[in-house]
Amino acid sequence: MASHRGTVSSSLSEKTVTPSQGGADPGPSDTSPAVPADVIYKLLGFTLAMIVFPIGSYFFTLKTVFKAGNATYAGGFAAIMANVVLVGYVIVAMREDQSDKLEAERAKKGKKAQ
């Protein structure tokens, strides 16, 4: 009844027309990755740093700085280290975004000059 509405028209609109059927040639497909490899490497590096630095700083300060075994201060320092890694990632991401904008502006200026 009401559940069959629109099923025929939606299935017709999804059919593709190949060049042999008189359709347009789609051209070569884009097989480049959606995210550049250097961005993935930076993300993996900061992910590793987010794991290693807070945990490492916790145990390092627990054993050396706070020899009495004060886990509260060591945990606070580990939280500070996690925030340092996070702020570092934000700064790197902002610099990368600014450099992309500058490269795009240079490319536009280069095209206008020609």
PDB file of N, CA and C in Angstrom:
ATOM      1  N   MET A   1       0.820  -1.178   0.000  1.00  0.00           N
ATOM      2  CA  MET A   1       0.000   0.000   0.000  1.00  0.00           C
ATOM      3  C   MET A   1       0.870   1.250   0.000  1.00  0.00           C
ATOM      4  N   ALA A   2       0.962   1.898   1.113  1.00  0.00           N
ATOM      5  CA  ALA A   2       1.734   3.131   1.170  1.00  0.00           C
ATOM      6  C   ALA A   2       3.235   2.859   1.185  1.00  0.00           C
ATOM      7  N   SER A   3       3.623   1.638   1.495  1.00  0.00           N
ATOM      8  CA  SER A   3       5.050   1.331   1.572  1.00  0.00           C
ATOM      9  C   SER A   3       5.692   1.164   0.203  1.00  0.00           C
ATOM     10  N   HIS A   4       4.899   1.040  -0.867  1.00  0.00           N
ATOM     11  CA  HIS A   4       5.450   0.841  -2.198  1.00  0.00           C
ATOM     12  C   HIS A   4       5.672   2.136  -2.956  1.00  0.00           C
ATOM     13  N   ARG A   5       5.397   3.251  -2.361  1.00  0.00           N
ATOM     14  CA  ARG A   5       5.551   4.520  -3.062  1.00  0.00           C
ATOM     15  C   ARG A   5       7.007   4.813  -3.350  1.00  0.00           C
ATOM     16  N   GLY A   6       7.283   5.256  -4.535  1.00  0.00           N
ATOM     17  CA  GLY A   6       8.605   5.739  -4.885  1.00  0.00           C
ATOM     18  C   GLY A   6       9.630   4.664  -5.191  1.00  0.00           C
ATOM     19  N   THR A   7       9.306   3.406  -5.060  1.00  0.00           N
ATOM     20  CA  THR A   7      10.312   2.372  -5.291  1.00  0.00           C
ATOM     21  C   THR A   7      10.633   2.219  -6.767  1.00  0.00           C
ATOM     22  N   VAL A   8       9.652   2.368  -7.640  1.00  0.00           N
ATOM     23  CA  VAL A   8       9.891   2.203  -9.069  1.00  0.00           C
ATOM     24  C   VAL A   8      10.702   3.363  -9.611  1.00  0.00           C
ATOM     25  N   SER A   9      10.360   4.574  -9.247  1.00  0.00           N
ATOM     26  CA  SER A   9      11.074   5.733  -9.770  1.00  0.00           C
ATOM     27  C   SER A   9      12.494   5.820  -9.225  1.00  0.00           C
ATOM     28  N   SER A  10      12.717   5.400  -7.970  1.00  0.00           N
ATOM     29  CA  SER A  10      14.070   5.473  -7.425  1.00  0.00           C
ATOM     30  C   SER A  10      14.977   4.427  -8.059  1.00  0.00           C
ATOM     31  N   SER A  11      14.431   3.259  -8.408  1.00  0.00           N
ATOM     32  CA  SER A  11      15.269   2.241  -9.029  1.00  0.00           C
ATOM     33  C   SER A  11      15.620   2.626 -10.462  1.00  0.00           C
ATOM     34  N   LEU A  12      14.759   3.372 -11.156  1.00  0.00           N
ATOM     35  CA  LEU A  12      15.058   3.804 -12.511  1.00  0.00           C
ATOM     36  C   LEU A  12      16.107   4.906 -12.545  1.00  0.00           C
ATOM     37  N   SER A  13      16.103   5.757 -11.559  1.00  0.00           N
ATOM     38  CA  SER A  13      17.043   6.866 -11.557  1.00  0.00           C
ATOM     39  C   SER A  13      18.457   6.436 -11.188  1.00  0.00           C
ATOM     40  N   GLU A  14      18.626   5.247 -10.644  1.00  0.00           N
ATOM     41  CA  GLU A  14      19.942   4.786 -10.224  1.00  0.00           C
ATOM     42  C   GLU A  14      20.687   4.023 -11.311  1.00  0.00           C
ATOM     43  N   LYS A  15      20.083   3.784 -12.450  1.00  0.00           N
ATOM     44  CA  LYS A  15      20.748   3.052 -13.512  1.00  0.00           C
ATOM     45  C   LYS A  15      21.808   3.932 -14.165  1.00  0.00           C
ATOM     46  N   THR A  16      22.929   3.325 -14.489  1.00  0.00           N
ATOM     47  CA  THR A  16      24.001   4.063 -15.145  1.00  0.00           C
ATOM     48  C   THR A  16      23.984   3.786 -16.645  1.00  0.00           C
ATOM     49  N   VAL A  17      24.410   4.759 -17.407  1.00  0.00           N
ATOM     50  CA  VAL A  17      24.462   4.633 -18.858  1.00  0.00           C
ATOM     51  C   VAL A  17      25.926   4.583 -19.251  1.00  0.00           C
ATOM     52  N   THR A  18      26.312   3.513 -19.898  1.00  0.00           N
ATOM     53  CA  THR A  18      27.697   3.335 -20.306  1.00  0.00           C
ATOM     54  C   THR A  18      27.962   4.051 -21.627  1.00  0.00           C
ATOM     55  N   PRO A  19      29.224   4.301 -21.971  1.00  0.00           N
ATOM     56  CA  PRO A  19      29.528   4.946 -23.256  1.00  0.00           C
ATOM     57  C   PRO A  19      29.012   4.148 -24.452  1.00  0.00           C
ATOM     58  N   SER A  20      28.998   2.815 -24.368  1.00  0.00           N
ATOM     59  CA  SER A  20      28.494   2.014 -25.490  1.00  0.00           C
ATOM     60  C   SER A  20      26.989   2.192 -25.675  1.00  0.00           C
ATOM     61  N   GLN A  21      26.301   2.647 -24.630  1.00  0.00           N
ATOM     62  CA  GLN A  21      24.863   2.893 -24.724  1.00  0.00           C
ATOM     63  C   GLN A  21      24.560   4.332 -25.111  1.00  0.00           C
ATOM     64  N   GLY A  22      25.579   5.118 -25.391  1.00  0.00           N
ATOM     65  CA  GLY A  22      25.371   6.501 -25.784  1.00  0.00           C
ATOM     66  C   GLY A  22      25.558   7.499 -24.656  1.00  0.00           C
ATOM     67  N   GLY A  23      26.056   7.057 -23.512  1.00  0.00           N
ATOM     68  CA  GLY A  23      26.297   7.951 -22.384  1.00  0.00           C
ATOM     69  C   GLY A  23      27.655   8.619 -22.489  1.00  0.00           C
ATOM     70  N   ALA A  24      27.893   9.563 -21.613  1.00  0.00           N
ATOM     71  CA  ALA A  24      29.167  10.280 -21.606  1.00  0.00           C
ATOM     72  C   ALA A  24      30.264   9.394 -21.013  1.00  0.00           C
ATOM     73  N   ASP A  25      31.476   9.547 -21.525  1.00  0.00           N
ATOM     74  CA  ASP A  25      32.620   8.809 -21.012  1.00  0.00           C
ATOM     75  C   ASP A  25      33.041   9.448 -19.688  1.00  0.00           C
ATOM     76  N   PRO A  26      33.050   8.676 -18.601  1.00  0.00           N
ATOM     77  CA  PRO A  26      33.398   9.267 -17.306  1.00  0.00           C
ATOM     78  C   PRO A  26      34.860   9.649 -17.186  1.00  0.00           C
ATOM     79  N   GLY A  27      35.714   9.190 -18.068  1.00  0.00           N
ATOM     80  CA  GLY A  27      37.138   9.513 -17.990  1.00  0.00           C
ATOM     81  C   GLY A  27      37.840   8.611 -17.006  1.00  0.00           C
ATOM     82  N   PRO A  28      39.122   8.877 -16.786  1.00  0.00           N
ATOM     83  CA  PRO A  28      39.872   8.022 -15.852  1.00  0.00           C
ATOM     84  C   PRO A  28      39.397   8.250 -14.420  1.00  0.00           C
ATOM     85  N   SER A  29      39.363   7.186 -13.667  1.00  0.00           N
ATOM     86  CA  SER A  29      38.919   7.303 -12.284  1.00  0.00           C
ATOM     87  C   SER A  29      40.059   7.830 -11.415  1.00  0.00           C
ATOM     88  N   ASP A  30      39.691   8.535 -10.377  1.00  0.00           N
ATOM     89  CA  ASP A  30      40.663   9.104  -9.450  1.00  0.00           C
ATOM     90  C   ASP A  30      40.959   8.074  -8.368  1.00  0.00           C
ATOM     91  N   THR A  31      42.175   7.552  -8.366  1.00  0.00           N
ATOM     92  CA  THR A  31      42.540   6.531  -7.386  1.00  0.00           C
ATOM     93  C   THR A  31      43.455   7.083  -6.300  1.00  0.00           C
ATOM     94  N   SER A  32      43.608   8.394  -6.234  1.00  0.00           N
ATOM     95  CA  SER A  32      44.468   8.975  -5.201  1.00  0.00           C
ATOM     96  C   SER A  32      43.772   8.861  -3.847  1.00  0.00           C
ATOM     97  N   PRO A  33      44.560   8.728  -2.771  1.00  0.00           N
ATOM     98  CA  PRO A  33      43.928   8.603  -1.453  1.00  0.00           C
ATOM     99  C   PRO A  33      43.236   9.900  -1.048  1.00  0.00           C
ATOM    100  N   ALA A  34      42.200   9.757  -0.249  1.00  0.00           N
ATOM    101  CA  ALA A  34      41.434  10.918   0.188  1.00  0.00           C
ATOM    102  C   ALA A  34      42.240  11.800   1.137  1.00  0.00           C
ATOM    103  N   VAL A  35      43.120  11.185   1.915  1.00  0.00           N
ATOM    104  CA  VAL A  35      43.942  11.917   2.871  1.00  0.00           C
ATOM    105  C   VAL A  35      45.402  11.660   2.516  1.00  0.00           C
ATOM    106  N   PRO A  36      46.219  12.725   2.390  1.00  0.00           N
ATOM    107  CA  PRO A  36      47.636  12.527   2.060  1.00  0.00           C
ATOM    108  C   PRO A  36      48.365  11.699   3.118  1.00  0.00           C
ATOM    109  N   ALA A  37      49.406  11.024   2.687  1.00  0.00           N
ATOM    110  CA  ALA A  37      50.146  10.129   3.575  1.00  0.00           C
ATOM    111  C   ALA A  37      50.821  10.881   4.719  1.00  0.00           C
ATOM    112  N   ASP A  38      51.323  12.099   4.457  1.00  0.00           N
ATOM    113  CA  ASP A  38      51.998  12.828   5.536  1.00  0.00           C
ATOM    114  C   ASP A  38      51.033  13.195   6.660  1.00  0.00           C
ATOM    115  N   VAL A  39      49.787  13.420   6.332  1.00  0.00           N
ATOM    116  CA  VAL A  39      48.787  13.715   7.368  1.00  0.00           C
ATOM    117  C   VAL A  39      48.541  12.467   8.219  1.00  0.00           C
ATOM    118  N   ILE A  40      48.479  11.322   7.585  1.00  0.00           N
ATOM    119  CA  ILE A  40      48.281  10.069   8.326  1.00  0.00           C
ATOM    120  C   ILE A  40      49.468   9.803   9.242  1.00  0.00           C
ATOM    121  N   TYR A  41      50.696  10.053   8.740  1.00  0.00           N
ATOM    122  CA  TYR A  41      51.886   9.829   9.564  1.00  0.00           C
ATOM    123  C   TYR A  41      51.917  10.768  10.776  1.00  0.00           C
ATOM    124  N   LYS A  42      51.517  12.023  10.573  1.00  0.00           N
ATOM    125  CA  LYS A  42      51.463  12.957  11.712  1.00  0.00           C
ATOM    126  C   LYS A  42      50.442  12.507  12.734  1.00  0.00           C
ATOM    127  N   LEU A  43      49.282  12.069  12.254  1.00  0.00           N
ATOM    128  CA  LEU A  43      48.244  11.604  13.166  1.00  0.00           C
ATOM    129  C   LEU A  43      48.711  10.371  13.941  1.00  0.00           C
ATOM    130  N   LEU A  44      49.369   9.438  13.269  1.00  0.00           N
ATOM    131  CA  LEU A  44      49.887   8.255  13.958  1.00  0.00           C
ATOM    132  C   LEU A  44      50.965   8.622  14.969  1.00  0.00           C
ATOM    133  N   GLY A  45      51.816   9.581  14.610  1.00  0.00           N
ATOM    134  CA  GLY A  45      52.854  10.022  15.536  1.00  0.00           C
ATOM    135  C   GLY A  45      52.284  10.650  16.787  1.00  0.00           C
ATOM    136  N   PHE A  46      51.294  11.511  16.616  1.00  0.00           N
ATOM    137  CA  PHE A  46      50.683  12.140  17.780  1.00  0.00           C
ATOM    138  C   PHE A  46      49.838  11.149  18.582  1.00  0.00           C
ATOM    139  N   THR A  47      49.268  10.150  17.918  1.00  0.00           N
ATOM    140  CA  THR A  47      48.542   9.113  18.645  1.00  0.00           C
ATOM    141  C   THR A  47      49.502   8.323  19.529  1.00  0.00           C
ATOM    142  N   LEU A  48      50.646   7.972  18.972  1.00  0.00           N
ATOM    143  CA  LEU A  48      51.655   7.273  19.757  1.00  0.00           C
ATOM    144  C   LEU A  48      52.151   8.148  20.912  1.00  0.00           C
ATOM    145  N   ALA A  49      52.363   9.432  20.631  1.00  0.00           N
ATOM    146  CA  ALA A  49      52.813  10.348  21.684  1.00  0.00           C
ATOM    147  C   ALA A  49      51.760  10.497  22.776  1.00  0.00           C
ATOM    148  N   MET A  50      50.474  10.476  22.389  1.00  0.00           N
ATOM    149  CA  MET A  50      49.403  10.602  23.379  1.00  0.00           C
ATOM    150  C   MET A  50      49.350   9.379  24.298  1.00  0.00           C
ATOM    151  N   ILE A  51      49.842   8.262  23.815  1.00  0.00           N
ATOM    152  CA  ILE A  51      49.881   7.055  24.651  1.00  0.00           C
ATOM    153  C   ILE A  51      51.159   7.014  25.487  1.00  0.00           C
ATOM    154  N   VAL A  52      52.299   7.279  24.852  1.00  0.00           N
ATOM    155  CA  VAL A  52      53.594   7.078  25.504  1.00  0.00           C
ATOM    156  C   VAL A  52      53.922   8.183  26.507  1.00  0.00           C
ATOM    157  N   PHE A  53      53.747   9.445  26.133  1.00  0.00           N
ATOM    158  CA  PHE A  53      54.178  10.536  27.011  1.00  0.00           C
ATOM    159  C   PHE A  53      53.434  10.585  28.350  1.00  0.00           C
ATOM    160  N   PRO A  54      52.120  10.537  28.376  1.00  0.00           N
ATOM    161  CA  PRO A  54      51.468  10.572  29.693  1.00  0.00           C
ATOM    162  C   PRO A  54      51.791   9.360  30.565  1.00  0.00           C
ATOM    163  N   ILE A  55      51.767   8.170  29.980  1.00  0.00           N
ATOM    164  CA  ILE A  55      52.053   6.978  30.785  1.00  0.00           C
ATOM    165  C   ILE A  55      53.512   6.963  31.221  1.00  0.00           C
ATOM    166  N   GLY A  56      54.401   7.303  30.294  1.00  0.00           N
ATOM    167  CA  GLY A  56      55.819   7.347  30.641  1.00  0.00           C
ATOM    168  C   GLY A  56      56.136   8.398  31.688  1.00  0.00           C
ATOM    169  N   SER A  57      55.525   9.565  31.548  1.00  0.00           N
ATOM    170  CA  SER A  57      55.784  10.623  32.529  1.00  0.00           C
ATOM    171  C   SER A  57      55.197  10.262  33.891  1.00  0.00           C
ATOM    172  N   TYR A  58      54.094   9.544  33.907  1.00  0.00           N
ATOM    173  CA  TYR A  58      53.509   9.118  35.180  1.00  0.00           C
ATOM    174  C   TYR A  58      54.492   8.219  35.939  1.00  0.00           C
ATOM    175  N   PHE A  59      54.952   7.174  35.266  1.00  0.00           N
ATOM    176  CA  PHE A  59      55.847   6.257  35.958  1.00  0.00           C
ATOM    177  C   PHE A  59      57.219   6.869  36.230  1.00  0.00           C
ATOM    178  N   PHE A  60      57.697   7.727  35.343  1.00  0.00           N
ATOM    179  CA  PHE A  60      58.982   8.380  35.572  1.00  0.00           C
ATOM    180  C   PHE A  60      58.924   9.284  36.797  1.00  0.00           C
ATOM    181  N   THR A  61      57.893  10.136  36.865  1.00  0.00           N
ATOM    182  CA  THR A  61      57.800  11.042  38.018  1.00  0.00           C
ATOM    183  C   THR A  61      57.444  10.286  39.291  1.00  0.00           C
ATOM    184  N   LEU A  62      56.699   9.209  39.175  1.00  0.00           N
ATOM    185  CA  LEU A  62      56.356   8.426  40.358  1.00  0.00           C
ATOM    186  C   LEU A  62      57.601   7.799  40.980  1.00  0.00           C
ATOM    187  N   LYS A  63      58.525   7.345  40.151  1.00  0.00           N
ATOM    188  CA  LYS A  63      59.722   6.662  40.656  1.00  0.00           C
ATOM    189  C   LYS A  63      60.868   7.615  40.979  1.00  0.00           C
ATOM    190  N   THR A  64      60.949   8.772  40.297  1.00  0.00           N
ATOM    191  CA  THR A  64      62.109   9.644  40.484  1.00  0.00           C
ATOM    192  C   THR A  64      61.774  10.934  41.220  1.00  0.00           C
ATOM    193  N   VAL A  65      60.807  11.673  40.744  1.00  0.00           N
ATOM    194  CA  VAL A  65      60.516  12.988  41.327  1.00  0.00           C
ATOM    195  C   VAL A  65      59.765  12.856  42.645  1.00  0.00           C
ATOM    196  N   PHE A  66      58.705  12.081  42.637  1.00  0.00           N
ATOM    197  CA  PHE A  66      57.904  11.880  43.847  1.00  0.00           C
ATOM    198  C   PHE A  66      58.235  10.517  44.428  1.00  0.00           C
ATOM    199  N   LYS A  67      59.385  10.420  45.053  1.00  0.00           N
ATOM    200  CA  LYS A  67      59.893   9.138  45.531  1.00  0.00           C
ATOM    201  C   LYS A  67      59.031   8.550  46.648  1.00  0.00           C
ATOM    202  N   ALA A  68      58.243   9.385  47.274  1.00  0.00           N
ATOM    203  CA  ALA A  68      57.393   8.891  48.353  1.00  0.00           C
ATOM    204  C   ALA A  68      56.209   8.097  47.802  1.00  0.00           C
ATOM    205  N   GLY A  69      56.069   8.060  46.465  1.00  0.00           N
ATOM    206  CA  GLY A  69      54.983   7.293  45.861  1.00  0.00           C
ATOM    207  C   GLY A  69      53.681   8.070  45.794  1.00  0.00           C
ATOM    208  N   ASN A  70      53.771   9.394  45.695  1.00  0.00           N
ATOM    209  CA  ASN A  70      52.570  10.211  45.616  1.00  0.00           C
ATOM    210  C   ASN A  70      51.994  10.119  44.199  1.00  0.00           C
ATOM    211  N   ALA A  71      51.030   9.244  44.022  1.00  0.00           N
ATOM    212  CA  ALA A  71      50.451   8.993  42.706  1.00  0.00           C
ATOM    213  C   ALA A  71      49.576  10.147  42.232  1.00  0.00           C
ATOM    214  N   THR A  72      49.071  10.964  43.140  1.00  0.00           N
ATOM    215  CA  THR A  72      48.211  12.082  42.744  1.00  0.00           C
ATOM    216  C   THR A  72      48.991  13.108  41.944  1.00  0.00           C
ATOM    217  N   TYR A  73      50.158  13.484  42.421  1.00  0.00           N
ATOM    218  CA  TYR A  73      50.976  14.460  41.698  1.00  0.00           C
ATOM    219  C   TYR A  73      51.501  13.878  40.384  1.00  0.00           C
ATOM    220  N   ALA A  74      51.872  12.614  40.414  1.00  0.00           N
ATOM    221  CA  ALA A  74      52.341  11.968  39.190  1.00  0.00           C
ATOM    222  C   ALA A  74      51.217  11.889  38.158  1.00  0.00           C
ATOM    223  N   GLY A  75      50.004  11.610  38.590  1.00  0.00           N
ATOM    224  CA  GLY A  75      48.853  11.584  37.687  1.00  0.00           C
ATOM    225  C   GLY A  75      48.526  12.961  37.148  1.00  0.00           C
ATOM    226  N   GLY A  76      48.670  13.973  37.983  1.00  0.00           N
ATOM    227  CA  GLY A  76      48.464  15.353  37.519  1.00  0.00           C
ATOM    228  C   GLY A  76      49.476  15.743  36.459  1.00  0.00           C
ATOM    229  N   PHE A  77      50.727  15.339  36.673  1.00  0.00           N
ATOM    230  CA  PHE A  77      51.753  15.632  35.681  1.00  0.00           C
ATOM    231  C   PHE A  77      51.487  14.887  34.376  1.00  0.00           C
ATOM    232  N   ALA A  78      50.984  13.662  34.471  1.00  0.00           N
ATOM    233  CA  ALA A  78      50.637  12.896  33.269  1.00  0.00           C
ATOM    234  C   ALA A  78      49.502  13.574  32.508  1.00  0.00           C
ATOM    235  N   ALA A  79      48.544  14.136  33.221  1.00  0.00           N
ATOM    236  CA  ALA A  79      47.448  14.861  32.570  1.00  0.00           C
ATOM    237  C   ALA A  79      47.966  16.113  31.876  1.00  0.00           C
ATOM    238  N   ILE A  80      48.914  16.781  32.503  1.00  0.00           N
ATOM    239  CA  ILE A  80      49.522  17.960  31.880  1.00  0.00           C
ATOM    240  C   ILE A  80      50.262  17.560  30.611  1.00  0.00           C
ATOM    241  N   MET A  81      50.970  16.442  30.642  1.00  0.00           N
ATOM    242  CA  MET A  81      51.683  15.971  29.450  1.00  0.00           C
ATOM    243  C   MET A  81      50.720  15.600  28.327  1.00  0.00           C
ATOM    244  N   ALA A  82      49.567  15.038  28.661  1.00  0.00           N
ATOM    245  CA  ALA A  82      48.565  14.728  27.639  1.00  0.00           C
ATOM    246  C   ALA A  82      48.059  16.014  26.993  1.00  0.00           C
ATOM    247  N   ASN A  83      47.877  17.053  27.786  1.00  0.00           N
ATOM    248  CA  ASN A  83      47.439  18.337  27.238  1.00  0.00           C
ATOM    249  C   ASN A  83      48.533  18.975  26.394  1.00  0.00           C
ATOM    250  N   VAL A  84      49.782  18.795  26.764  1.00  0.00           N
ATOM    251  CA  VAL A  84      50.889  19.326  25.960  1.00  0.00           C
ATOM    252  C   VAL A  84      50.904  18.663  24.583  1.00  0.00           C
ATOM    253  N   VAL A  85      50.708  17.356  24.537  1.00  0.00           N
ATOM    254  CA  VAL A  85      50.666  16.650  23.262  1.00  0.00           C
ATOM    255  C   VAL A  85      49.475  17.129  22.435  1.00  0.00           C
ATOM    256  N   LEU A  86      48.337  17.318  23.070  1.00  0.00           N
ATOM    257  CA  LEU A  86      47.141  17.786  22.369  1.00  0.00           C
ATOM    258  C   LEU A  86      47.338  19.181  21.791  1.00  0.00           C
ATOM    259  N   VAL A  87      47.898  20.085  22.564  1.00  0.00           N
ATOM    260  CA  VAL A  87      48.155  21.443  22.080  1.00  0.00           C
ATOM    261  C   VAL A  87      49.177  21.402  20.938  1.00  0.00           C
ATOM    262  N   GLY A  88      50.167  20.545  21.056  1.00  0.00           N
ATOM    263  CA  GLY A  88      51.145  20.396  19.977  1.00  0.00           C
ATOM    264  C   GLY A  88      50.492  19.938  18.690  1.00  0.00           C
ATOM    265  N   TYR A  89      49.550  19.022  18.783  1.00  0.00           N
ATOM    266  CA  TYR A  89      48.845  18.552  17.590  1.00  0.00           C
ATOM    267  C   TYR A  89      48.014  19.672  16.964  1.00  0.00           C
ATOM    268  N   VAL A  90      47.347  20.445  17.786  1.00  0.00           N
ATOM    269  CA  VAL A  90      46.538  21.554  17.268  1.00  0.00           C
ATOM    270  C   VAL A  90      47.422  22.574  16.562  1.00  0.00           C
ATOM    271  N   ILE A  91      48.570  22.884  17.129  1.00  0.00           N
ATOM    272  CA  ILE A  91      49.486  23.852  16.509  1.00  0.00           C
ATOM    273  C   ILE A  91      49.993  23.326  15.168  1.00  0.00           C
ATOM    274  N   VAL A  92      50.383  22.060  15.113  1.00  0.00           N
ATOM    275  CA  VAL A  92      50.860  21.472  13.857  1.00  0.00           C
ATOM    276  C   VAL A  92      49.747  21.479  12.810  1.00  0.00           C
ATOM    277  N   ALA A  93      48.529  21.159  13.215  1.00  0.00           N
ATOM    278  CA  ALA A  93      47.409  21.142  12.276  1.00  0.00           C
ATOM    279  C   ALA A  93      47.097  22.540  11.756  1.00  0.00           C
ATOM    280  N   MET A  94      47.184  23.543  12.615  1.00  0.00           N
ATOM    281  CA  MET A  94      46.925  24.920  12.172  1.00  0.00           C
ATOM    282  C   MET A  94      48.009  25.393  11.215  1.00  0.00           C
ATOM    283  N   ARG A  95      49.257  25.064  11.482  1.00  0.00           N
ATOM    284  CA  ARG A  95      50.340  25.449  10.574  1.00  0.00           C
ATOM    285  C   ARG A  95      50.189  24.779   9.214  1.00  0.00           C
ATOM    286  N   GLU A  96      49.794  23.533   9.227  1.00  0.00           N
ATOM    287  CA  GLU A  96      49.599  22.815   7.976  1.00  0.00           C
ATOM    288  C   GLU A  96      48.451  23.433   7.173  1.00  0.00           C
ATOM    289  N   ASP A  97      47.395  23.801   7.849  1.00  0.00           N
ATOM    290  CA  ASP A  97      46.255  24.421   7.172  1.00  0.00           C
ATOM    291  C   ASP A  97      46.654  25.770   6.581  1.00  0.00           C
ATOM    292  N   GLN A  98      47.451  26.551   7.305  1.00  0.00           N
ATOM    293  CA  GLN A  98      47.902  27.847   6.795  1.00  0.00           C
ATOM    294  C   GLN A  98      48.830  27.672   5.603  1.00  0.00           C
ATOM    295  N   SER A  99      49.689  26.663   5.640  1.00  0.00           N
ATOM    296  CA  SER A  99      50.603  26.450   4.520  1.00  0.00           C
ATOM    297  C   SER A  99      49.837  26.016   3.273  1.00  0.00           C
ATOM    298  N   ASP A 100      48.758  25.257   3.446  1.00  0.00           N
ATOM    299  CA  ASP A 100      47.931  24.868   2.300  1.00  0.00           C
ATOM    300  C   ASP A 100      47.272  26.083   1.669  1.00  0.00           C
ATOM    301  N   LYS A 101      46.814  27.009   2.494  1.00  0.00           N
ATOM    302  CA  LYS A 101      46.184  28.227   1.969  1.00  0.00           C
ATOM    303  C   LYS A 101      47.203  29.092   1.232  1.00  0.00           C
ATOM    304  N   LEU A 102      48.415  29.197   1.776  1.00  0.00           N
ATOM    305  CA  LEU A 102      49.454  29.992   1.117  1.00  0.00           C
ATOM    306  C   LEU A 102      49.849  29.384  -0.223  1.00  0.00           C
ATOM    307  N   GLU A 103      49.944  28.067  -0.295  1.00  0.00           N
ATOM    308  CA  GLU A 103      50.271  27.414  -1.561  1.00  0.00           C
ATOM    309  C   GLU A 103      49.172  27.640  -2.597  1.00  0.00           C
ATOM    310  N   ALA A 104      47.923  27.632  -2.170  1.00  0.00           N
ATOM    311  CA  ALA A 104      46.814  27.868  -3.091  1.00  0.00           C
ATOM    312  C   ALA A 104      46.838  29.301  -3.608  1.00  0.00           C
ATOM    313  N   GLU A 105      47.170  30.251  -2.722  1.00  0.00           N
ATOM    314  CA  GLU A 105      47.262  31.656  -3.155  1.00  0.00           C
ATOM    315  C   GLU A 105      48.418  31.846  -4.132  1.00  0.00           C
ATOM    316  N   ARG A 106      49.538  31.195  -3.880  1.00  0.00           N
ATOM    317  CA  ARG A 106      50.692  31.303  -4.802  1.00  0.00           C
ATOM    318  C   ARG A 106      50.352  30.713  -6.161  1.00  0.00           C
ATOM    319  N   ALA A 107      49.604  29.614  -6.157  1.00  0.00           N
ATOM    320  CA  ALA A 107      49.215  28.996  -7.415  1.00  0.00           C
ATOM    321  C   ALA A 107      48.279  29.910  -8.203  1.00  0.00           C
ATOM    322  N   LYS A 108      47.382  30.599  -7.516  1.00  0.00           N
ATOM    323  CA  LYS A 108      46.478  31.530  -8.190  1.00  0.00           C
ATOM    324  C   LYS A 108      47.254  32.709  -8.763  1.00  0.00           C
ATOM    325  N   LYS A 109      48.215  33.231  -8.008  1.00  0.00           N
ATOM    326  CA  LYS A 109      49.019  34.355  -8.490  1.00  0.00           C
ATOM    327  C   LYS A 109      49.851  33.935  -9.694  1.00  0.00           C
ATOM    328  N   GLY A 110      50.375  32.723  -9.657  1.00  0.00           N
ATOM    329  CA  GLY A 110      51.177  32.219 -10.771  1.00  0.00           C
ATOM    330  C   GLY A 110      50.350  32.073 -12.039  1.00  0.00           C
ATOM    331  N   LYS A 111      49.104  31.660 -11.917  1.00  0.00           N
ATOM    332  CA  LYS A 111      48.225  31.522 -13.071  1.00  0.00           C
ATOM    333  C   LYS A 111      47.827  32.883 -13.636  1.00  0.00           C
ATOM    334  N   LYS A 112      47.636  33.862 -12.750  1.00  0.00           N
ATOM    335  CA  LYS A 112      47.260  35.207 -13.214  1.00  0.00           C
ATOM    336  C   LYS A 112      48.415  35.886 -13.948  1.00  0.00           C
ATOM    337  N   ALA A 113      49.647  35.614 -13.502  1.00  0.00           N
ATOM    338  CA  ALA A 113      50.810  36.232 -14.119  1.00  0.00           C
ATOM    339  C   ALA A 113      51.043  35.696 -15.541  1.00  0.00           C
ATOM    340  N   GLN A 114      50.621  34.479 -15.795  1.00  0.00           N
ATOM    341  CA  GLN A 114      50.837  33.882 -17.112  1.00  0.00           C
ATOM    342  C   GLN A 114      49.776  34.356 -18.015  1.00  0.00           C
TER     343      GLN A 114
END
